[in-house]
C-alpha atoms as a PDB file:
ATOM      1  CA  MET A   1      15.348   7.301  28.156  1.00  0.00           C
ATOM      2  CA  ILE A   2      12.817   6.695  24.930  1.00  0.00           C
ATOM      3  CA  ASN A   3      14.042   4.586  22.064  1.00  0.00           C
ATOM      4  CA  TYR A   4      12.133   5.138  18.907  1.00  0.00           C
ATOM      5  CA  LYS A   5      12.206   2.865  15.942  1.00  0.00           C
ATOM      6  CA  TYR A   6      11.209   3.894  12.324  1.00  0.00           C
ATOM      7  CA  ALA A   7       9.813   2.047   9.534  1.00  0.00           C
ATOM      8  CA  GLY A   8       8.462   2.417   5.962  1.00  0.00           C
ATOM      9  CA  VAL A   9       4.983   1.301   6.109  1.00  0.00           C
ATOM     10  CA  PHE A  10       1.547   1.519   3.900  1.00  0.00           C
ATOM     11  CA  ILE A  11      -1.723   2.367   5.222  1.00  0.00           C
ATOM     12  CA  THR A  12      -3.960  -0.285   4.501  1.00  0.00           C
ATOM     13  CA  GLY A  13      -7.396   1.034   6.215  1.00  0.00           C
ATOM     14  CA  LEU A  14      -8.888   2.880   8.759  1.00  0.00           C
ATOM     15  CA  ARG A  15     -11.244   2.578  11.714  1.00  0.00           C
ATOM     16  CA  LYS A  16     -14.817   3.681  11.148  1.00  0.00           C
ATOM     17  CA  ASP A  17     -15.800   4.848  14.525  1.00  0.00           C
ATOM     18  CA  ASP A  18     -12.489   7.171  15.119  1.00  0.00           C
ATOM     19  CA  PHE A  19      -9.458   8.256  13.189  1.00  0.00           C
ATOM     20  CA  VAL A  20      -7.066   5.412  13.578  1.00  0.00           C
ATOM     21  CA  LEU A  21      -4.927   4.073  10.674  1.00  0.00           C
ATOM     22  CA  LEU A  22      -4.052   0.535   9.958  1.00  0.00           C
ATOM     23  CA  LEU A  23      -0.443   0.045   8.835  1.00  0.00           C
ATOM     24  CA  SER A  24       1.217  -2.806   7.179  1.00  0.00           C
ATOM     25  CA  THR A  25       4.627  -3.741   5.597  1.00  0.00           C
ATOM     26  CA  TYR A  26       5.656  -6.224   3.017  1.00  0.00           C
ATOM     27  CA  ASP A  27       7.134  -9.485   4.050  1.00  0.00           C
ATOM     28  CA  GLY A  28       8.045 -10.679   0.541  1.00  0.00           C
ATOM     29  CA  ASP A  29       4.982 -10.236  -1.710  1.00  0.00           C
ATOM     30  CA  ASN A  30       2.358 -10.344   1.417  1.00  0.00           C
ATOM     31  CA  LEU A  31       1.340  -7.716   3.558  1.00  0.00           C
ATOM     32  CA  LYS A  32       1.859  -8.235   7.041  1.00  0.00           C
ATOM     33  CA  PRO A  33       0.055  -6.127   9.709  1.00  0.00           C
ATOM     34  CA  SER A  34       2.424  -3.734  11.348  1.00  0.00           C
ATOM     35  CA  GLY A  35       0.136  -1.831  13.951  1.00  0.00           C
ATOM     36  CA  VAL A  36      -2.165   1.488  14.155  1.00  0.00           C
ATOM     37  CA  MET A  37      -1.598   5.236  13.947  1.00  0.00           C
ATOM     38  CA  GLU A  38      -3.753   7.294  16.281  1.00  0.00           C
ATOM     39  CA  PHE A  39      -2.172  10.574  16.325  1.00  0.00           C
ATOM     40  CA  ILE A  40      -1.899  12.587  13.264  1.00  0.00           C
ATOM     41  CA  ASN A  41      -1.496  16.158  12.423  1.00  0.00           C
ATOM     42  CA  GLN A  42      -4.808  18.047  11.012  1.00  0.00           C
ATOM     43  CA  LYS A  43      -3.098  18.902   7.986  1.00  0.00           C
ATOM     44  CA  GLU A  44      -1.897  15.388   7.034  1.00  0.00           C
ATOM     45  CA  MET A  45      -5.084  14.079   8.169  1.00  0.00           C
ATOM     46  CA  MET A  46      -7.018  16.273   5.567  1.00  0.00           C
ATOM     47  CA  LYS A  47      -4.543  15.158   2.766  1.00  0.00           C
ATOM     48  CA  PHE A  48      -5.347  11.434   3.588  1.00  0.00           C
ATOM     49  CA  TYR A  49      -9.260  11.991   3.756  1.00  0.00           C
ATOM     50  CA  ALA A  50      -8.921  13.888   0.100  1.00  0.00           C
ATOM     51  CA  ARG A  51      -7.290  10.592  -1.326  1.00  0.00           C
ATOM     52  CA  TYR A  52      -8.342   7.423   0.399  1.00  0.00           C
ATOM     53  CA  GLN A  53     -11.795   7.132  -1.002  1.00  0.00           C
ATOM     54  CA  ASP A  54     -10.519   6.225  -4.413  1.00  0.00           C
ATOM     55  CA  LEU A  55      -8.353   3.586  -2.847  1.00  0.00           C
ATOM     56  CA  ILE A  56     -11.190   1.583  -1.048  1.00  0.00           C
ATOM     57  CA  ILE A  57     -11.224  -2.257  -1.783  1.00  0.00           C
ATOM     58  CA  GLY A  58     -13.622  -3.334   0.747  1.00  0.00           C
ATOM     59  CA  GLU A  59     -14.927  -2.761   4.507  1.00  0.00           C
ATOM     60  CA  ASP A  60     -16.488  -4.421   7.282  1.00  0.00           C
ATOM     61  CA  LYS A  61     -18.395  -3.531  10.497  1.00  0.00           C
ATOM     62  CA  LYS A  62     -15.243  -1.887  12.228  1.00  0.00           C
ATOM     63  CA  PHE A  63     -12.833  -0.964   9.256  1.00  0.00           C
ATOM     64  CA  VAL A  64     -12.385   0.365   5.650  1.00  0.00           C
ATOM     65  CA  PHE A  65      -9.792  -1.336   3.694  1.00  0.00           C
ATOM     66  CA  ILE A  66      -7.585   0.617   1.151  1.00  0.00           C
ATOM     67  CA  LYS A  67      -4.954  -0.500  -1.503  1.00  0.00           C
ATOM     68  CA  PRO A  68      -1.446  -0.118  -0.089  1.00  0.00           C
ATOM     69  CA  GLU A  69      -0.507   2.921  -2.090  1.00  0.00           C
ATOM     70  CA  ILE A  70      -0.012   5.622   0.873  1.00  0.00           C
END
């Protein structure tokens, strides 16, 4: 038996070396890391790529961080 849990999350970044999105939820006024999303269909991936560059707020060696608007 497979159990699924659903939650409303925000995309807060992406990994540079492969397409993995960083996910977060709000805990009061603070963002709390919630996990990653590795498997995204092609159409949604292209929609994300078309929009995320305007939301970049920082980056480090492995990640690009974006405003939590998506």
